[in-house]
Protein backbone atom coordinates (compact mmCIF):
# COMPACT_ATOMS: atom_id res chain seq x y z
CA MET A 1 6.54 -22.76 -7.06
CA THR A 2 3.75 -25.17 -6.23
CA THR A 3 0.76 -25.71 -8.51
CA ALA A 4 -1.43 -23.97 -5.92
CA ASN A 5 0.59 -20.83 -6.47
CA ALA A 6 1.21 -21.15 -10.22
CA PRO A 7 1.73 -17.70 -11.79
CA ILE A 8 -1.50 -15.86 -12.57
CA ALA A 9 -2.70 -16.04 -16.15
CA HIS A 10 -4.85 -12.90 -16.28
CA ARG A 11 -4.20 -9.17 -16.33
CA TYR A 12 -5.93 -7.26 -13.51
CA GLU A 13 -6.58 -3.68 -12.50
CA PHE A 14 -8.08 -2.64 -9.20
CA LEU A 15 -9.62 0.53 -7.81
CA PHE A 16 -10.09 0.80 -4.07
CA LEU A 17 -11.74 3.44 -1.86
CA PHE A 18 -10.50 4.32 1.59
CA ASP A 19 -11.14 7.27 3.85
CA CYS A 20 -9.62 9.16 6.74
CA GLN A 21 -11.54 10.91 9.51
CA ASN A 22 -9.76 13.39 11.78
CA GLY A 23 -6.29 12.10 10.98
CA ASN A 24 -3.22 12.42 8.82
CA PRO A 25 -3.42 9.78 6.10
CA ASN A 26 0.13 10.33 4.82
CA GLY A 27 2.49 12.96 6.25
CA ASP A 28 4.86 14.85 3.97
CA PRO A 29 8.36 15.03 5.52
CA ASP A 30 9.17 18.03 3.32
CA ALA A 31 6.26 19.95 4.90
CA GLY A 32 6.72 19.23 8.59
CA ASN A 33 4.81 15.95 8.22
CA ALA A 34 1.61 17.82 7.27
CA PRO A 35 -0.90 15.84 5.17
CA ARG A 36 0.18 15.51 1.54
CA ILE A 37 -1.74 17.94 -0.64
CA ASP A 38 -1.82 18.77 -4.35
CA PRO A 39 -1.21 22.55 -4.13
CA GLN A 40 -3.03 23.23 -7.39
CA ASP A 41 -6.44 22.00 -6.27
CA MET A 42 -6.02 21.04 -2.57
CA HIS A 43 -6.92 17.40 -3.13
CA GLY A 44 -5.28 15.04 -0.65
CA LEU A 45 -2.58 12.57 -1.71
CA VAL A 46 -1.35 9.27 -0.29
CA SER A 47 1.87 7.89 -1.76
CA ASP A 48 2.18 4.45 -3.31
CA VAL A 49 5.00 3.74 -0.84
CA ALA A 50 2.68 4.38 2.12
CA ILE A 51 0.08 1.98 0.73
CA LYS A 52 2.65 -0.74 0.00
CA ARG A 53 4.05 -0.33 3.52
CA ARG A 54 0.62 -1.11 4.99
CA ILE A 55 0.24 -4.14 2.72
CA ARG A 56 3.67 -5.39 3.81
CA ASN A 57 2.82 -4.81 7.46
CA TYR A 58 -0.35 -6.86 7.19
CA VAL A 59 1.38 -9.75 5.39
CA LEU A 60 4.21 -9.63 7.92
CA MET A 61 1.71 -10.01 10.75
CA ALA A 62 -0.61 -12.52 9.07
CA GLU A 63 2.14 -14.82 7.77
CA GLN A 64 4.60 -14.30 10.69
CA ASN A 65 7.41 -13.30 8.34
CA LYS A 66 7.99 -16.86 7.16
CA GLY A 67 8.75 -18.04 3.63
CA PRO A 68 7.25 -18.13 1.10
CA HIS A 69 5.54 -15.01 2.46
CA ALA A 70 8.41 -13.33 4.28
CA ILE A 71 8.89 -9.59 3.86
CA PHE A 72 12.10 -8.25 2.30
CA ILE A 73 11.63 -4.54 3.13
CA GLU A 74 11.22 -4.74 6.91
CA HIS A 75 11.27 -1.86 9.36
CA ALA A 76 14.79 -1.04 10.60
CA SER A 77 16.60 -3.82 8.75
CA ASN A 78 19.47 -4.32 6.29
CA VAL A 79 18.23 -5.87 3.05
CA ASN A 80 21.73 -7.04 2.15
CA ARG A 81 21.41 -9.67 4.90
CA HIS A 82 18.64 -11.34 2.88
CA ILE A 83 20.66 -11.13 -0.35
CA ALA A 84 23.67 -12.76 1.34
CA LEU A 85 21.37 -15.50 2.67
CA ALA A 86 20.10 -16.11 -0.87
CA TYR A 87 23.67 -16.79 -2.03
CA GLU A 88 24.30 -19.03 0.97
CA GLN A 89 21.20 -21.05 0.10
CA THR A 90 22.11 -21.40 -3.59
CA GLY A 91 25.76 -22.39 -3.59
CA GLY A 92 27.59 -19.84 -1.47
CA LEU A 93 28.86 -16.29 -1.77
CA PRO A 94 31.48 -15.54 -4.43
CA GLU A 95 35.05 -15.19 -3.23
CA LYS A 96 35.86 -11.74 -1.90
CA GLY A 97 36.88 -9.42 -4.70
CA LYS A 98 35.13 -11.53 -7.34
CA LYS A 99 31.80 -10.73 -8.96
CA PRO A 100 29.14 -13.43 -9.24
CA ASN A 101 28.46 -14.81 -12.70
CA LYS A 102 25.09 -14.57 -14.44
CA GLY A 103 24.00 -18.02 -13.28
CA GLN A 104 24.78 -17.26 -9.65
CA VAL A 105 22.90 -13.96 -9.83
CA GLY A 106 19.91 -15.70 -11.39
CA GLN A 107 19.81 -18.44 -8.75
CA ALA A 108 20.00 -15.94 -5.90
CA ARG A 109 17.26 -13.79 -7.48
CA GLN A 110 15.00 -16.82 -7.96
CA TRP A 111 15.48 -17.87 -4.30
CA LEU A 112 14.54 -14.38 -3.14
CA CYS A 113 11.43 -14.33 -5.33
CA GLN A 114 10.36 -17.73 -3.98
CA ASN A 115 10.73 -16.73 -0.34
CA PHE A 116 9.70 -13.05 -0.16
CA PHE A 117 6.12 -12.00 -0.88
CA ASP A 118 6.93 -8.34 -1.47
CA ILE A 119 9.66 -9.14 -4.03
CA ARG A 120 7.29 -11.43 -5.97
CA THR A 121 4.63 -8.74 -5.76
CA PHE A 122 6.25 -5.32 -5.99
CA GLY A 123 9.74 -6.16 -7.22
CA ALA A 124 12.98 -4.91 -5.68
CA VAL A 125 16.50 -3.68 -6.37
CA LEU A 126 18.75 -6.55 -5.28
CA SER A 127 22.14 -5.15 -6.28
CA THR A 128 22.83 -3.11 -3.15
CA GLY A 129 25.26 -5.65 -1.63
CA PRO A 130 25.92 -9.14 -2.99
CA ASN A 131 24.47 -8.59 -6.44
CA ALA A 132 21.23 -10.46 -7.16
CA GLY A 133 20.11 -8.18 -9.95
CA GLN A 134 16.77 -6.41 -10.11
CA VAL A 135 13.17 -7.61 -10.10
CA ARG A 136 10.34 -5.75 -11.78
CA GLY A 137 7.19 -6.54 -9.83
CA PRO A 138 3.87 -7.43 -11.46
CA VAL A 139 1.85 -5.31 -8.98
CA GLN A 140 2.15 -1.55 -9.28
CA ILE A 141 0.20 1.03 -7.27
CA ALA A 142 -0.25 4.71 -8.10
CA PHE A 143 -0.55 7.67 -5.71
CA ALA A 144 -4.04 7.73 -4.21
CA ARG A 145 -5.99 10.98 -4.48
CA SER A 146 -8.99 12.34 -2.61
CA LEU A 147 -12.22 12.76 -4.54
CA HIS A 148 -12.71 16.29 -3.20
CA PRO A 149 -10.43 18.98 -1.75
CA VAL A 150 -9.39 18.41 1.85
CA LEU A 151 -8.69 20.96 4.58
CA PRO A 152 -5.35 20.45 6.34
CA LEU A 153 -5.45 21.60 9.95
CA ASP A 154 -2.63 22.20 12.42
CA VAL A 155 -4.11 21.63 15.86
CA SER A 156 -2.47 22.66 19.13
CA ILE A 157 -2.38 20.13 21.95
CA THR A 158 -1.16 20.27 25.57
CA ARG A 159 1.20 17.68 26.93
CA GLN A 160 0.87 17.28 30.71
CA ALA A 161 4.56 16.48 31.14
CA VAL A 162 7.95 17.53 29.82
CA ALA A 163 11.01 15.56 28.73
CA ALA A 164 13.87 17.70 30.01
CA ASP A 165 17.23 15.92 29.80
CA ILE A 166 19.64 16.08 32.75
CA LYS A 167 22.77 14.60 31.23
CA GLY A 168 23.84 11.56 33.20
CA GLY A 169 21.23 12.24 35.89
CA THR A 170 20.01 9.56 38.26
CA SER A 171 16.32 9.04 38.97
CA ALA A 172 16.77 10.88 42.30
CA GLU A 173 18.36 13.85 40.52
CA TYR A 174 15.48 13.95 38.03
CA ALA A 175 13.00 13.93 40.93
CA GLN A 176 14.92 16.75 42.66
CA TRP A 177 14.89 18.82 39.45
CA GLU A 178 11.18 18.14 38.96
CA ASN A 179 10.28 19.22 42.48
CA ALA A 180 12.15 22.50 42.00
CA GLN A 181 10.12 23.56 38.93
CA PRO A 182 6.94 25.66 38.90
CA GLU A 183 3.97 23.47 37.99
CA ASP A 184 3.20 25.45 34.82
CA GLU A 185 6.69 24.70 33.50
CA LEU A 186 6.10 20.98 33.74
CA ARG A 187 3.64 21.16 30.85
CA THR A 188 4.40 21.80 27.21
CA MET A 189 2.56 22.49 23.96
CA GLY A 190 2.53 20.32 20.89
CA ARG A 191 0.85 20.19 17.49
CA LYS A 192 -1.01 17.64 15.36
CA SER A 193 -1.63 17.79 11.63
CA LEU A 194 -4.86 16.31 10.31
CA ILE A 195 -7.69 16.57 7.83
CA PRO A 196 -11.33 16.48 9.01
CA TYR A 197 -12.29 14.04 6.25
CA GLY A 198 -11.15 12.72 2.91
CA LEU A 199 -12.35 9.87 0.66
CA PHE A 200 -9.43 8.60 -1.42
CA VAL A 201 -9.24 6.60 -4.64
CA GLY A 202 -6.33 4.17 -5.04
CA LYS A 203 -5.48 2.47 -8.33
CA GLY A 204 -3.40 -0.61 -9.03
CA PHE A 205 -2.24 -2.73 -11.94
CA ILE A 206 -1.21 -6.40 -12.17
CA SER A 207 0.75 -7.81 -15.12
CA ALA A 208 0.45 -11.53 -15.87
CA HIS A 209 3.65 -11.40 -17.94
CA LEU A 210 5.71 -10.02 -15.06
CA ALA A 211 4.01 -12.48 -12.69
CA GLU A 212 5.54 -15.31 -14.73
CA GLN A 213 8.99 -13.86 -14.06
CA THR A 214 8.59 -13.53 -10.29
CA GLY A 215 6.24 -16.46 -9.61
CA PHE A 216 3.38 -14.25 -8.36
CA GLY A 217 0.51 -16.72 -8.19
CA GLU A 218 -3.13 -17.15 -7.27
CA ALA A 219 -2.33 -17.62 -3.57
CA ASP A 220 -0.34 -14.38 -3.62
CA LEU A 221 -3.22 -12.63 -5.37
CA SER A 222 -5.67 -13.76 -2.68
CA LEU A 223 -3.29 -12.55 0.02
CA LEU A 224 -2.95 -9.18 -1.74
CA TRP A 225 -6.75 -8.70 -1.75
CA GLU A 226 -6.89 -9.71 1.92
CA ALA A 227 -4.12 -7.25 2.80
CA LEU A 228 -5.79 -4.39 0.91
CA VAL A 229 -9.05 -4.87 2.82
CA ASN A 230 -7.36 -5.16 6.22
CA MET A 231 -4.27 -2.94 5.90
CA TYR A 232 -5.62 -0.16 8.10
CA GLU A 233 -7.37 -2.45 10.60
CA HIS A 234 -4.00 -3.31 12.12
CA ASP A 235 -2.29 0.05 11.62
CA ARG A 236 -4.14 2.19 14.15
CA SER A 237 -2.54 5.27 15.67
CA SER A 238 -3.78 8.55 17.12
CA SER A 239 -2.12 10.46 14.28
CA LYS A 240 -4.06 8.56 11.57
CA GLY A 241 -7.51 9.07 13.07
CA LEU A 242 -9.96 6.54 11.63
CA MET A 243 -8.84 5.07 8.30
CA SER A 244 -10.91 2.41 6.58
CA VAL A 245 -10.96 0.57 3.25
CA HIS A 246 -14.48 0.11 1.82
CA PRO A 247 -14.44 -3.26 0.03
CA ARG A 248 -18.01 -3.16 -1.26
CA HIS A 249 -17.09 -0.10 -3.33
CA SER A 250 -13.59 -1.29 -4.32
CA PHE A 251 -13.42 -3.01 -7.69
CA ILE A 252 -11.29 -5.73 -9.28
CA PHE A 253 -11.18 -5.88 -13.09
CA LYS A 254 -10.11 -9.25 -14.48
CA HIS A 255 -9.31 -9.63 -18.17
CA VAL A 256 -10.59 -13.00 -19.44
CA GLY A 257 -10.67 -12.60 -23.25
CA THR A 258 -13.42 -13.12 -25.80
CA ASP A 259 -11.97 -15.30 -28.58
CA SER A 260 -13.51 -18.71 -29.23
CA ASP A 261 -10.03 -20.20 -29.63
CA ALA A 262 -8.61 -21.14 -26.22
CA ASN A 263 -5.05 -20.11 -27.07
CA GLN A 264 -6.13 -16.73 -28.41
CA ARG A 265 -8.39 -16.20 -25.41
CA ALA A 266 -5.50 -16.96 -23.03
CA ARG A 267 -3.36 -14.44 -24.95
CA GLN A 268 -6.09 -11.80 -24.63
CA ALA A 269 -6.42 -12.52 -20.91
CA LYS A 270 -2.74 -11.75 -20.42
CA LEU A 271 -2.57 -8.69 -22.66
CA GLY A 272 -5.94 -7.26 -21.64
CA CYS A 273 -9.19 -6.39 -23.36
CA ALA A 274 -9.61 -2.71 -22.44
CA PRO A 275 -7.40 0.20 -21.31
CA ALA A 276 -7.06 0.61 -17.57
CA HIS A 277 -8.16 4.26 -17.60
CA VAL A 278 -11.45 3.31 -19.29
CA LEU A 279 -12.25 0.77 -16.58
CA PHE A 280 -11.37 3.21 -13.79
CA GLN A 281 -13.41 6.00 -15.34
CA THR A 282 -16.46 3.76 -15.56
CA VAL A 283 -16.46 3.71 -11.75
CA LEU A 284 -15.41 7.30 -11.16
CA ASP A 285 -18.19 8.63 -13.40
CA ARG A 286 -20.70 7.02 -11.07
CA ILE A 287 -19.40 8.47 -7.82
CA ASP A 288 -21.18 11.61 -6.66
CA LEU A 289 -22.05 13.52 -3.52
CA ALA A 290 -25.38 12.72 -1.93
CA ASP A 291 -28.21 15.04 -2.99
CA ALA A 292 -28.62 16.57 0.48
CA VAL A 293 -24.92 17.41 0.69
CA LYS A 294 -24.94 19.04 -2.75
CA ALA A 295 -28.12 20.95 -2.06
CA ASN A 296 -26.68 22.46 1.13
CA GLY A 297 -23.26 23.15 -0.37
CA GLN A 298 -21.62 21.11 2.38
CA SER A 299 -18.22 19.46 2.36
CA PRO A 300 -18.33 15.68 2.77
CA ARG A 301 -17.63 14.50 6.31
CA SER A 302 -18.23 10.74 5.98
CA ILE A 303 -18.70 8.06 3.36
CA ALA A 304 -22.44 8.43 3.93
CA ASP A 305 -22.19 11.81 2.18
CA TYR A 306 -21.46 10.02 -1.12
CA ARG A 307 -23.45 7.97 -3.62
CA LEU A 308 -21.21 5.04 -4.56
CA PRO A 309 -21.68 2.31 -7.18
CA THR A 310 -21.66 -1.41 -6.47
CA ALA A 311 -20.60 -4.31 -8.65
CA ASP A 312 -24.17 -4.69 -9.91
CA ASP A 313 -24.06 -1.09 -11.17
CA ILE A 314 -20.70 -1.52 -12.93
CA ARG A 315 -21.00 -5.06 -14.33
CA PRO A 316 -23.38 -4.22 -17.25
CA LEU A 317 -21.01 -1.44 -18.33
CA MET A 318 -17.91 -3.59 -18.71
CA PRO A 319 -16.26 -4.01 -22.12
CA ALA A 320 -16.33 -7.49 -23.62
CA GLY A 321 -13.70 -9.74 -22.10
CA VAL A 322 -13.52 -8.00 -18.70
CA GLU A 323 -15.12 -9.31 -15.53
CA VAL A 324 -15.68 -7.16 -12.45
CA SER A 325 -15.93 -8.06 -8.78
CA THR A 326 -15.30 -6.25 -5.51
CA LEU A 327 -12.86 -6.69 -2.66
CA GLY A 328 -15.93 -7.49 -0.59
CA SER A 329 -16.98 -10.43 -2.79
């Protein structure tokens, strides 16, 4: 690792707000791809995997899938290809039928960490083919949850064409079949699942100790913040409606320490100066519906229906040894 990307020396937490208008923020395959919902209180959910996928997609696009910011978990790929390449780059694959020794595993794992952003960041299981062990990533993200209940809708749509399959048919045979059909039978119905609106809270955690093991550095941290802000800007689809991250109301908590001794202060910065849930709750306690929305008993339909804190509101409330900024800083 270069000095510019030396492992981070501070613990971080982050809380980010994003919303979805007239779309499906995260379909549940066990429920016909309907929006994920907590059945106890009808709050919307977005999985950590879905968020990490959008971060990976942004980094893949922004860095053109080149080391040291290549992406290990690509769409429609075989990760064992990358593990085999790691062995080839660090001395060669073990002979067939023989297991690699500890040193070989460690070298392959180190090469993968150096070249793949998502391994350095989120970790990975690298024992699925040629064994390169396992990496525990310094950045962990929890399920995001909507601030208020959401209303899942199943909307009917009309498709002005069909996709009937004539096995082995030529284009002329398809045209002949099409001309023989009544016009009404050349249309079909479909369905879309969506929510009218939901404002979601995502939470993340960054360990300086695990960053030392993977080489997650300051340059990686900057790229992570960039990806969080822009992850939905390049992931547009009709099914997702309008999804946006709101950086001015998304907070980064950096642990810096308080001790007058530099060594002790550095130790505090790595271990942290306050529990994560206390920092998150400081923000959540200051989020409320706008007065007009509450007075009329309305459901929120945009971010304008909320009163949201800024960094200036939160900064005076921080425990000693913790600095706060926003993704929009």
